[in-house]
Amino acid sequence: MMPRTLAEIDAAPAPKPTEIRVTKDKRAMTVAFDDGSSYNLSAELLRVESPSAEVQGHGAGQKQLIPGKSNVQIVTVTPNGNYAVRLGFDDGHATGIFSWRYLRFLGENSDTLMSDYIKNLVDAGMSRS
């Protein structure tokens, strides 16, 4: 399946997770959906693409570039209603509410998002560590 935009995922029937599991080292989370798809999302990607206002800003063009998260760990996964989870990270960030749709978007687009993130860090003279 070709990666879809968030708008395309939002327009599709809502995905339902069948499993959410953090790895033993807490550096990744696997999300499986009811259509059989499964994604392994790094804690780094989840942290730097958090849907929180701290990362995304309050409007278009306000997204923050977050360096130094290559070793970040997921420390909490808390259900948020029937549509999302709130992730907590060992750097204290815990305000991102990750909807099932947003997790699906991250899964489908993780390679592109991560390579864009690394390029943007390099361009800004920043580092992942």
Protein backbone atom coordinates (compact mmCIF):
# COMPACT_ATOMS: atom_id res chain seq x y z
CA MET A 1 0.00 0.00 0.00
CA MET A 2 1.26 3.47 -0.87
CA PRO A 3 1.63 5.88 2.06
CA ARG A 4 -1.33 8.19 2.45
CA THR A 5 -1.59 11.75 3.72
CA LEU A 6 -3.19 12.42 7.08
CA ALA A 7 -6.20 13.91 5.24
CA GLU A 8 -6.61 10.69 3.23
CA ILE A 9 -6.40 8.60 6.39
CA ASP A 10 -8.89 10.91 8.14
CA ALA A 11 -11.35 10.43 5.24
CA ALA A 12 -11.11 6.63 5.39
CA PRO A 13 -12.92 4.38 7.88
CA ALA A 14 -11.32 4.68 11.30
CA PRO A 15 -8.61 2.08 11.91
CA LYS A 16 -8.97 0.05 15.07
CA PRO A 17 -5.85 -1.14 16.89
CA THR A 18 -5.72 -4.76 17.90
CA GLU A 19 -2.43 -4.45 19.76
CA ILE A 20 -0.17 -1.73 21.10
CA ARG A 21 3.08 -2.98 22.58
CA VAL A 22 6.19 -1.12 23.76
CA THR A 23 9.43 -3.02 23.23
CA LYS A 24 11.42 -4.19 26.27
CA ASP A 25 14.05 -1.50 25.72
CA LYS A 26 11.25 1.12 25.49
CA ARG A 27 12.74 2.54 22.28
CA ALA A 28 9.88 1.50 19.97
CA MET A 29 6.20 0.70 19.95
CA THR A 30 4.38 -1.77 17.72
CA VAL A 31 0.85 -0.93 16.64
CA ALA A 32 -1.26 -3.57 14.88
CA PHE A 33 -4.59 -2.74 13.25
CA ASP A 34 -7.71 -4.73 12.50
CA ASP A 35 -6.93 -4.85 8.77
CA GLY A 36 -3.79 -6.89 9.46
CA SER A 37 -1.31 -4.03 9.09
CA SER A 38 1.34 -3.59 11.75
CA TYR A 39 3.91 -0.85 12.28
CA ASN A 40 7.02 -0.63 14.43
CA LEU A 41 7.39 3.03 15.38
CA SER A 42 10.60 4.26 17.00
CA ALA A 43 10.29 6.25 20.21
CA GLU A 44 12.37 8.94 18.50
CA LEU A 45 9.88 9.29 15.64
CA LEU A 46 6.92 9.30 18.03
CA ARG A 47 8.58 11.98 20.17
CA VAL A 48 9.64 14.32 17.36
CA GLU A 49 6.31 13.92 15.53
CA SER A 50 4.19 14.19 18.68
CA PRO A 51 0.80 15.76 17.89
CA SER A 52 1.20 18.07 20.91
CA ALA A 53 1.15 21.84 20.58
CA GLU A 54 4.69 21.84 22.03
CA VAL A 55 5.90 20.08 18.86
CA GLN A 56 3.31 20.97 16.21
CA GLY A 57 2.66 24.54 17.36
CA HIS A 58 -0.74 26.21 17.36
CA GLY A 59 -1.01 26.80 13.63
CA ALA A 60 0.41 26.19 10.20
CA GLY A 61 4.18 26.61 9.92
CA GLN A 62 4.82 26.50 13.68
CA LYS A 63 6.19 22.95 13.94
CA GLN A 64 9.30 22.73 16.13
CA LEU A 65 12.42 20.82 15.18
CA ILE A 66 13.32 18.73 18.24
CA PRO A 67 16.98 17.61 18.40
CA GLY A 68 18.68 15.11 20.70
CA LYS A 69 16.00 12.42 20.88
CA SER A 70 17.79 9.38 19.42
CA ASN A 71 17.81 7.63 22.81
CA VAL A 72 14.41 8.73 24.11
CA GLN A 73 12.26 6.03 25.67
CA ILE A 74 8.51 5.52 25.98
CA VAL A 75 7.64 5.28 29.68
CA THR A 76 3.83 5.41 29.66
CA VAL A 77 1.02 4.50 27.29
CA THR A 78 -2.33 5.68 28.63
CA PRO A 79 -5.66 5.09 26.86
CA ASN A 80 -7.46 8.30 25.94
CA GLY A 81 -11.10 7.43 25.34
CA ASN A 82 -11.73 4.93 22.55
CA TYR A 83 -9.77 6.83 19.93
CA ALA A 84 -6.22 7.44 21.13
CA VAL A 85 -3.36 6.94 23.57
CA ARG A 86 -1.29 9.50 25.43
CA LEU A 87 2.40 8.66 25.33
CA GLY A 88 4.86 9.70 28.01
CA PHE A 89 8.59 9.85 27.31
CA ASP A 90 11.59 9.75 29.64
CA ASP A 91 12.45 13.35 28.75
CA GLY A 92 9.24 14.47 30.52
CA HIS A 93 7.15 15.05 27.39
CA ALA A 94 3.66 13.61 27.96
CA THR A 95 1.19 15.96 26.25
CA GLY A 96 0.81 14.23 22.88
CA ILE A 97 -2.48 12.41 22.29
CA PHE A 98 -1.90 9.96 19.45
CA SER A 99 -5.17 9.07 17.72
CA TRP A 100 -5.46 5.73 15.93
CA ARG A 101 -5.55 7.67 12.65
CA TYR A 102 -2.37 9.58 13.51
CA LEU A 103 -0.56 6.36 14.52
CA ARG A 104 -1.64 4.86 11.18
CA PHE A 105 -0.27 7.93 9.38
CA LEU A 106 3.05 7.66 11.24
CA GLY A 107 3.24 3.96 10.41
CA GLU A 108 2.56 4.42 6.71
CA ASN A 109 4.95 7.35 6.42
CA SER A 110 7.66 6.56 8.98
CA ASP A 111 10.53 6.19 6.50
CA THR A 112 9.81 9.52 4.79
CA LEU A 113 9.14 11.34 8.06
CA MET A 114 12.38 10.07 9.60
CA SER A 115 14.53 10.91 6.59
CA ASP A 116 12.97 14.41 6.39
CA TYR A 117 13.61 14.88 10.12
CA ILE A 118 17.28 13.89 9.80
CA LYS A 119 17.75 16.17 6.79
CA ASN A 120 16.14 19.09 8.64
CA LEU A 121 18.40 18.51 11.65
CA VAL A 122 21.51 18.49 9.43
CA ASP A 123 20.34 21.64 7.63
CA ALA A 124 19.83 23.37 11.00
CA GLY A 125 23.22 22.24 12.36
CA MET A 126 21.53 20.05 14.98
CA SER A 127 22.02 16.44 16.02
CA ARG A 128 19.88 13.42 16.89
CA SER A 129 22.00 12.75 20.00
